Amino acid sequence: AERFCHRLDFMKRFPFDMRHPEFGEINLGAVTGAIIGGIGGLFALQAGPVFLARDLSLLFSTPILTLLNCVLSWLICGPTGWVIGGQLGPRLAAGFHWPKAEVVGGIVGGLIPITALAFWGFQMAQ
């Protein structure tokens, strides 16, 4: 019975509905997803050529690819991380009854576009 009362106290501390966030809503998962997606996306596209050539200097050697990487990072990975993290984070926090799970959902939401961009980078490098 004590565990059930603890869950009720948790829900009283968070009066807003964490289970169904609106599309593009500002929450901790969305901000975390945008930060992870925006910063990680800067290196995602060039990760393939760097790993295949085993030369870290390739990360900054091609200015056109670096410019393309910045544009893709800020225009694709950041907003995509915002939307996925903003939807996934509050649902994880409500499902696990743990507010810090919202940050974990934002991290996962930011890693999804980074992984897609890194996979595309590997395909272009081969």
N, C-alpha and C. Protein backbone atom coordinates (compact mmCIF):
# COMPACT_ATOMS: atom_id res chain seq x y z
N ALA A 1 0.83 -1.19 0.00
CA ALA A 1 0.00 0.00 0.00
C ALA A 1 0.88 1.26 0.00
N GLU A 2 2.06 1.19 0.63
CA GLU A 2 2.93 2.36 0.68
C GLU A 2 3.44 2.72 -0.70
N ARG A 3 3.74 1.71 -1.51
CA ARG A 3 4.24 1.99 -2.86
C ARG A 3 3.17 2.69 -3.70
N PHE A 4 1.93 2.30 -3.53
CA PHE A 4 0.85 2.92 -4.28
C PHE A 4 0.66 4.37 -3.84
N CYS A 5 0.75 4.64 -2.55
CA CYS A 5 0.62 6.01 -2.05
C CYS A 5 1.77 6.88 -2.54
N HIS A 6 2.96 6.29 -2.66
CA HIS A 6 4.10 7.04 -3.17
C HIS A 6 3.85 7.48 -4.62
N ARG A 7 3.23 6.61 -5.41
CA ARG A 7 2.92 6.97 -6.80
C ARG A 7 1.88 8.08 -6.86
N LEU A 8 0.93 8.07 -5.96
CA LEU A 8 -0.06 9.13 -5.94
C LEU A 8 0.58 10.46 -5.56
N ASP A 9 1.53 10.44 -4.62
CA ASP A 9 2.24 11.66 -4.25
C ASP A 9 3.04 12.19 -5.42
N PHE A 10 3.62 11.31 -6.21
CA PHE A 10 4.38 11.72 -7.38
C PHE A 10 3.48 12.46 -8.37
N MET A 11 2.29 11.93 -8.61
CA MET A 11 1.38 12.55 -9.56
C MET A 11 0.84 13.88 -9.04
N LYS A 12 0.75 14.05 -7.74
CA LYS A 12 0.31 15.33 -7.19
C LYS A 12 1.36 16.41 -7.37
N ARG A 13 2.64 16.02 -7.37
CA ARG A 13 3.70 16.99 -7.55
C ARG A 13 3.74 17.52 -8.98
N PHE A 14 3.25 16.75 -9.93
CA PHE A 14 3.25 17.15 -11.33
C PHE A 14 1.80 17.28 -11.79
N PRO A 15 1.22 18.47 -11.65
CA PRO A 15 -0.21 18.61 -11.95
C PRO A 15 -0.51 18.58 -13.44
N PHE A 16 0.47 18.85 -14.31
CA PHE A 16 0.19 18.85 -15.74
C PHE A 16 0.15 17.41 -16.27
N ASP A 17 -0.49 17.22 -17.38
CA ASP A 17 -0.64 15.89 -17.98
C ASP A 17 0.63 15.56 -18.74
N MET A 18 1.43 14.64 -18.20
CA MET A 18 2.71 14.30 -18.81
C MET A 18 2.56 13.21 -19.87
N ARG A 19 1.43 12.61 -19.99
CA ARG A 19 1.30 11.47 -20.89
C ARG A 19 1.05 11.86 -22.34
N HIS A 20 0.42 12.99 -22.60
CA HIS A 20 0.05 13.36 -23.96
C HIS A 20 0.51 14.79 -24.27
N PRO A 21 1.80 14.96 -24.54
CA PRO A 21 2.27 16.31 -24.87
C PRO A 21 1.81 16.71 -26.27
N GLU A 22 1.65 18.01 -26.48
CA GLU A 22 1.27 18.50 -27.80
C GLU A 22 2.47 18.46 -28.73
N PHE A 23 2.21 18.51 -30.02
CA PHE A 23 3.27 18.46 -31.02
C PHE A 23 4.10 19.74 -30.93
N GLY A 24 5.41 19.59 -30.70
CA GLY A 24 6.30 20.74 -30.61
C GLY A 24 6.27 21.45 -29.26
N GLU A 25 5.67 20.84 -28.27
CA GLU A 25 5.56 21.45 -26.94
C GLU A 25 6.94 21.60 -26.29
N ILE A 26 7.11 22.66 -25.54
CA ILE A 26 8.37 22.88 -24.84
C ILE A 26 8.36 22.05 -23.55
N ASN A 27 9.28 21.13 -23.45
CA ASN A 27 9.49 20.37 -22.23
C ASN A 27 10.95 19.96 -22.16
N LEU A 28 11.34 19.35 -21.07
CA LEU A 28 12.74 19.01 -20.86
C LEU A 28 13.24 17.99 -21.87
N GLY A 29 12.41 17.05 -22.27
CA GLY A 29 12.80 16.07 -23.27
C GLY A 29 13.05 16.71 -24.62
N ALA A 30 12.23 17.70 -24.99
CA ALA A 30 12.40 18.38 -26.27
C ALA A 30 13.70 19.18 -26.30
N VAL A 31 13.98 19.89 -25.23
CA VAL A 31 15.21 20.68 -25.18
C VAL A 31 16.44 19.77 -25.21
N THR A 32 16.39 18.69 -24.46
CA THR A 32 17.51 17.75 -24.46
C THR A 32 17.70 17.12 -25.84
N GLY A 33 16.61 16.74 -26.48
CA GLY A 33 16.70 16.16 -27.82
C GLY A 33 17.26 17.13 -28.84
N ALA A 34 16.88 18.40 -28.75
CA ALA A 34 17.40 19.40 -29.68
C ALA A 34 18.90 19.64 -29.46
N ILE A 35 19.32 19.67 -28.22
CA ILE A 35 20.75 19.89 -27.92
C ILE A 35 21.58 18.70 -28.39
N ILE A 36 21.14 17.49 -28.05
CA ILE A 36 21.87 16.29 -28.46
C ILE A 36 21.88 16.17 -29.98
N GLY A 37 20.73 16.40 -30.61
CA GLY A 37 20.65 16.29 -32.06
C GLY A 37 21.47 17.35 -32.77
N GLY A 38 21.42 18.58 -32.29
CA GLY A 38 22.15 19.66 -32.94
C GLY A 38 23.65 19.53 -32.83
N ILE A 39 24.12 19.19 -31.66
CA ILE A 39 25.58 19.09 -31.45
C ILE A 39 26.11 17.77 -32.02
N GLY A 40 25.41 16.69 -31.79
CA GLY A 40 25.87 15.40 -32.32
C GLY A 40 25.79 15.32 -33.83
N GLY A 41 24.84 16.03 -34.41
CA GLY A 41 24.70 16.04 -35.85
C GLY A 41 25.86 16.71 -36.56
N LEU A 42 26.59 17.55 -35.85
CA LEU A 42 27.75 18.21 -36.46
C LEU A 42 28.81 17.20 -36.87
N PHE A 43 28.92 16.11 -36.16
CA PHE A 43 29.95 15.11 -36.43
C PHE A 43 29.40 13.85 -37.09
N ALA A 44 28.08 13.73 -37.20
CA ALA A 44 27.49 12.47 -37.65
C ALA A 44 27.77 12.17 -39.12
N LEU A 45 27.67 13.15 -39.97
CA LEU A 45 27.83 12.90 -41.41
C LEU A 45 29.26 12.51 -41.76
N GLN A 46 30.24 13.06 -41.07
CA GLN A 46 31.62 12.76 -41.38
C GLN A 46 32.17 11.60 -40.57
N ALA A 47 31.36 10.99 -39.75
CA ALA A 47 31.83 9.85 -38.96
C ALA A 47 32.17 8.67 -39.85
N GLY A 48 31.41 8.46 -40.90
CA GLY A 48 31.68 7.34 -41.81
C GLY A 48 33.04 7.42 -42.48
N PRO A 49 33.36 8.53 -43.19
CA PRO A 49 34.68 8.62 -43.81
C PRO A 49 35.83 8.57 -42.81
N VAL A 50 35.63 9.14 -41.62
CA VAL A 50 36.70 9.13 -40.60
C VAL A 50 36.97 7.71 -40.13
N PHE A 51 35.93 6.94 -39.85
CA PHE A 51 36.13 5.58 -39.36
C PHE A 51 36.66 4.66 -40.44
N LEU A 52 36.18 4.82 -41.67
CA LEU A 52 36.65 3.94 -42.74
C LEU A 52 38.10 4.22 -43.12
N ALA A 53 38.51 5.49 -43.10
CA ALA A 53 39.89 5.83 -43.43
C ALA A 53 40.82 5.77 -42.21
N ARG A 54 40.25 5.70 -41.03
CA ARG A 54 41.00 5.69 -39.76
C ARG A 54 41.93 6.89 -39.67
N ASP A 55 41.40 8.06 -40.06
CA ASP A 55 42.16 9.30 -40.03
C ASP A 55 41.26 10.39 -39.47
N LEU A 56 41.57 10.83 -38.25
CA LEU A 56 40.76 11.84 -37.57
C LEU A 56 40.82 13.21 -38.24
N SER A 57 41.88 13.47 -39.01
CA SER A 57 42.00 14.77 -39.66
C SER A 57 40.96 14.96 -40.76
N LEU A 58 40.34 13.89 -41.23
CA LEU A 58 39.27 14.01 -42.23
C LEU A 58 38.02 14.68 -41.68
N LEU A 59 37.92 14.72 -40.35
CA LEU A 59 36.75 15.32 -39.73
C LEU A 59 36.63 16.80 -40.07
N PHE A 60 37.76 17.48 -40.26
CA PHE A 60 37.73 18.91 -40.53
C PHE A 60 38.41 19.28 -41.85
N SER A 61 38.72 18.31 -42.70
CA SER A 61 39.53 18.60 -43.88
C SER A 61 38.72 19.08 -45.08
N THR A 62 37.45 18.70 -45.19
CA THR A 62 36.67 19.09 -46.36
C THR A 62 35.70 20.20 -45.99
N PRO A 63 35.94 21.44 -46.45
CA PRO A 63 35.08 22.55 -46.04
C PRO A 63 33.65 22.45 -46.56
N ILE A 64 33.45 21.90 -47.77
CA ILE A 64 32.09 21.80 -48.30
C ILE A 64 31.28 20.81 -47.48
N LEU A 65 31.89 19.68 -47.15
CA LEU A 65 31.18 18.69 -46.35
C LEU A 65 30.93 19.22 -44.94
N THR A 66 31.84 20.01 -44.43
CA THR A 66 31.64 20.60 -43.10
C THR A 66 30.50 21.60 -43.13
N LEU A 67 30.39 22.40 -44.18
CA LEU A 67 29.28 23.33 -44.31
C LEU A 67 27.96 22.58 -44.44
N LEU A 68 27.95 21.55 -45.27
CA LEU A 68 26.75 20.73 -45.42
C LEU A 68 26.37 20.08 -44.10
N ASN A 69 27.36 19.66 -43.35
CA ASN A 69 27.12 19.03 -42.06
C ASN A 69 26.50 20.01 -41.07
N CYS A 70 26.97 21.26 -41.06
CA CYS A 70 26.39 22.27 -40.17
C CYS A 70 24.94 22.55 -40.53
N VAL A 71 24.66 22.66 -41.82
CA VAL A 71 23.29 22.94 -42.25
C VAL A 71 22.38 21.77 -41.90
N LEU A 72 22.83 20.54 -42.19
CA LEU A 72 22.02 19.38 -41.86
C LEU A 72 21.82 19.22 -40.36
N SER A 73 22.85 19.55 -39.62
CA SER A 73 22.77 19.42 -38.17
C SER A 73 21.73 20.37 -37.58
N TRP A 74 21.80 21.62 -37.95
CA TRP A 74 20.92 22.62 -37.35
C TRP A 74 19.52 22.62 -37.94
N LEU A 75 19.37 22.21 -39.20
CA LEU A 75 18.06 22.25 -39.83
C LEU A 75 17.32 20.91 -39.78
N ILE A 76 18.04 19.82 -39.60
CA ILE A 76 17.37 18.52 -39.59
C ILE A 76 17.48 17.85 -38.22
N CYS A 77 18.71 17.67 -37.72
CA CYS A 77 18.90 16.92 -36.48
C CYS A 77 18.34 17.66 -35.26
N GLY A 78 18.52 18.96 -35.20
CA GLY A 78 18.01 19.72 -34.05
C GLY A 78 16.50 19.68 -33.94
N PRO A 79 15.76 20.10 -34.99
CA PRO A 79 14.30 20.05 -34.90
C PRO A 79 13.73 18.63 -34.78
N THR A 80 14.37 17.67 -35.46
CA THR A 80 13.89 16.29 -35.34
C THR A 80 14.10 15.77 -33.92
N GLY A 81 15.25 16.09 -33.33
CA GLY A 81 15.48 15.72 -31.93
C GLY A 81 14.50 16.40 -30.99
N TRP A 82 14.13 17.65 -31.31
CA TRP A 82 13.16 18.39 -30.50
C TRP A 82 11.81 17.67 -30.53
N VAL A 83 11.36 17.30 -31.71
CA VAL A 83 10.03 16.69 -31.83
C VAL A 83 10.01 15.29 -31.21
N ILE A 84 11.00 14.46 -31.55
CA ILE A 84 11.00 13.09 -31.02
C ILE A 84 11.24 13.10 -29.51
N GLY A 85 12.20 13.90 -29.04
CA GLY A 85 12.46 13.99 -27.61
C GLY A 85 11.29 14.57 -26.84
N GLY A 86 10.60 15.54 -27.45
CA GLY A 86 9.44 16.15 -26.81
C GLY A 86 8.26 15.21 -26.69
N GLN A 87 8.16 14.25 -27.59
CA GLN A 87 7.09 13.27 -27.51
C GLN A 87 7.46 12.06 -26.66
N LEU A 88 8.71 11.63 -26.76
CA LEU A 88 9.15 10.43 -26.06
C LEU A 88 9.44 10.69 -24.58
N GLY A 89 10.04 11.83 -24.27
CA GLY A 89 10.43 12.13 -22.90
C GLY A 89 9.30 12.12 -21.88
N PRO A 90 8.23 12.90 -22.09
CA PRO A 90 7.14 12.89 -21.11
C PRO A 90 6.44 11.54 -21.00
N ARG A 91 6.39 10.80 -22.08
CA ARG A 91 5.76 9.48 -22.00
C ARG A 91 6.60 8.51 -21.16
N LEU A 92 7.92 8.60 -21.29
CA LEU A 92 8.78 7.77 -20.45
C LEU A 92 8.68 8.19 -18.99
N ALA A 93 8.64 9.49 -18.74
CA ALA A 93 8.54 9.98 -17.35
C ALA A 93 7.23 9.52 -16.72
N ALA A 94 6.16 9.56 -17.47
CA ALA A 94 4.88 9.11 -16.92
C ALA A 94 4.83 7.60 -16.78
N GLY A 95 5.42 6.88 -17.72
CA GLY A 95 5.39 5.42 -17.67
C GLY A 95 6.22 4.84 -16.55
N PHE A 96 7.39 5.44 -16.31
CA PHE A 96 8.27 4.93 -15.25
C PHE A 96 8.04 5.63 -13.91
N HIS A 97 7.18 6.64 -13.88
CA HIS A 97 6.93 7.43 -12.67
C HIS A 97 8.24 7.99 -12.10
N TRP A 98 9.06 8.49 -13.01
CA TRP A 98 10.37 9.03 -12.64
C TRP A 98 10.63 10.25 -13.53
N PRO A 99 10.68 11.45 -12.96
CA PRO A 99 10.80 12.66 -13.78
C PRO A 99 12.09 12.74 -14.60
N LYS A 100 13.16 12.09 -14.14
CA LYS A 100 14.42 12.15 -14.88
C LYS A 100 14.38 11.30 -16.15
N ALA A 101 13.40 10.45 -16.29
CA ALA A 101 13.26 9.66 -17.51
C ALA A 101 12.92 10.55 -18.70
N GLU A 102 12.43 11.75 -18.45
CA GLU A 102 12.16 12.69 -19.54
C GLU A 102 13.45 13.10 -20.25
N VAL A 103 14.53 13.24 -19.48
CA VAL A 103 15.83 13.57 -20.06
C VAL A 103 16.34 12.38 -20.87
N VAL A 104 16.14 11.18 -20.38
CA VAL A 104 16.56 9.99 -21.11
C VAL A 104 15.81 9.89 -22.44
N GLY A 105 14.53 10.20 -22.42
CA GLY A 105 13.75 10.22 -23.65
C GLY A 105 14.25 11.28 -24.62
N GLY A 106 14.69 12.42 -24.10
CA GLY A 106 15.26 13.46 -24.96
C GLY A 106 16.58 13.02 -25.57
N ILE A 107 17.40 12.32 -24.80
CA ILE A 107 18.67 11.82 -25.33
C ILE A 107 18.41 10.81 -26.45
N VAL A 108 17.49 9.90 -26.23
CA VAL A 108 17.16 8.92 -27.27
C VAL A 108 16.57 9.63 -28.49
N GLY A 109 15.72 10.62 -28.26
CA GLY A 109 15.14 11.38 -29.36
C GLY A 109 16.19 12.15 -30.15
N GLY A 110 17.25 12.61 -29.51
CA GLY A 110 18.32 13.29 -30.21
C GLY A 110 19.25 12.34 -30.94
N LEU A 111 19.38 11.13 -30.42
CA LEU A 111 20.26 10.15 -31.06
C LEU A 111 19.67 9.52 -32.32
N ILE A 112 18.37 9.56 -32.47
CA ILE A 112 17.74 8.95 -33.65
C ILE A 112 18.15 9.66 -34.93
N PRO A 113 18.04 11.01 -35.04
CA PRO A 113 18.50 11.63 -36.29
C PRO A 113 20.02 11.57 -36.47
N ILE A 114 20.76 11.55 -35.38
CA ILE A 114 22.22 11.43 -35.48
C ILE A 114 22.58 10.07 -36.08
N THR A 115 21.92 9.02 -35.63
CA THR A 115 22.18 7.69 -36.16
C THR A 115 21.83 7.61 -37.63
N ALA A 116 20.72 8.21 -38.02
CA ALA A 116 20.32 8.20 -39.43
C ALA A 116 21.33 8.96 -40.29
N LEU A 117 21.80 10.09 -39.80
CA LEU A 117 22.78 10.88 -40.56
C LEU A 117 24.13 10.17 -40.62
N ALA A 118 24.53 9.51 -39.54
CA ALA A 118 25.79 8.75 -39.55
C ALA A 118 25.70 7.57 -40.51
N PHE A 119 24.55 6.91 -40.55
CA PHE A 119 24.37 5.81 -41.49
C PHE A 119 24.46 6.30 -42.93
N TRP A 120 23.88 7.46 -43.19
CA TRP A 120 23.97 8.05 -44.53
C TRP A 120 25.42 8.41 -44.87
N GLY A 121 26.17 8.89 -43.87
CA GLY A 121 27.58 9.19 -44.08
C GLY A 121 28.39 7.94 -44.41
N PHE A 122 28.10 6.83 -43.75
CA PHE A 122 28.77 5.56 -44.07
C PHE A 122 28.42 5.11 -45.49
N GLN A 123 27.18 5.30 -45.89
CA GLN A 123 26.78 4.88 -47.24
C GLN A 123 27.46 5.74 -48.30
N MET A 124 27.63 7.04 -48.03
CA MET A 124 28.32 7.90 -48.99
C MET A 124 29.80 7.60 -49.06
N ALA A 125 30.41 7.15 -47.97
CA ALA A 125 31.85 6.91 -47.93
C ALA A 125 32.23 5.60 -48.64
N GLN A 126 31.31 4.69 -48.79
CA GLN A 126 31.64 3.40 -49.40
C GLN A 126 31.61 3.47 -50.91
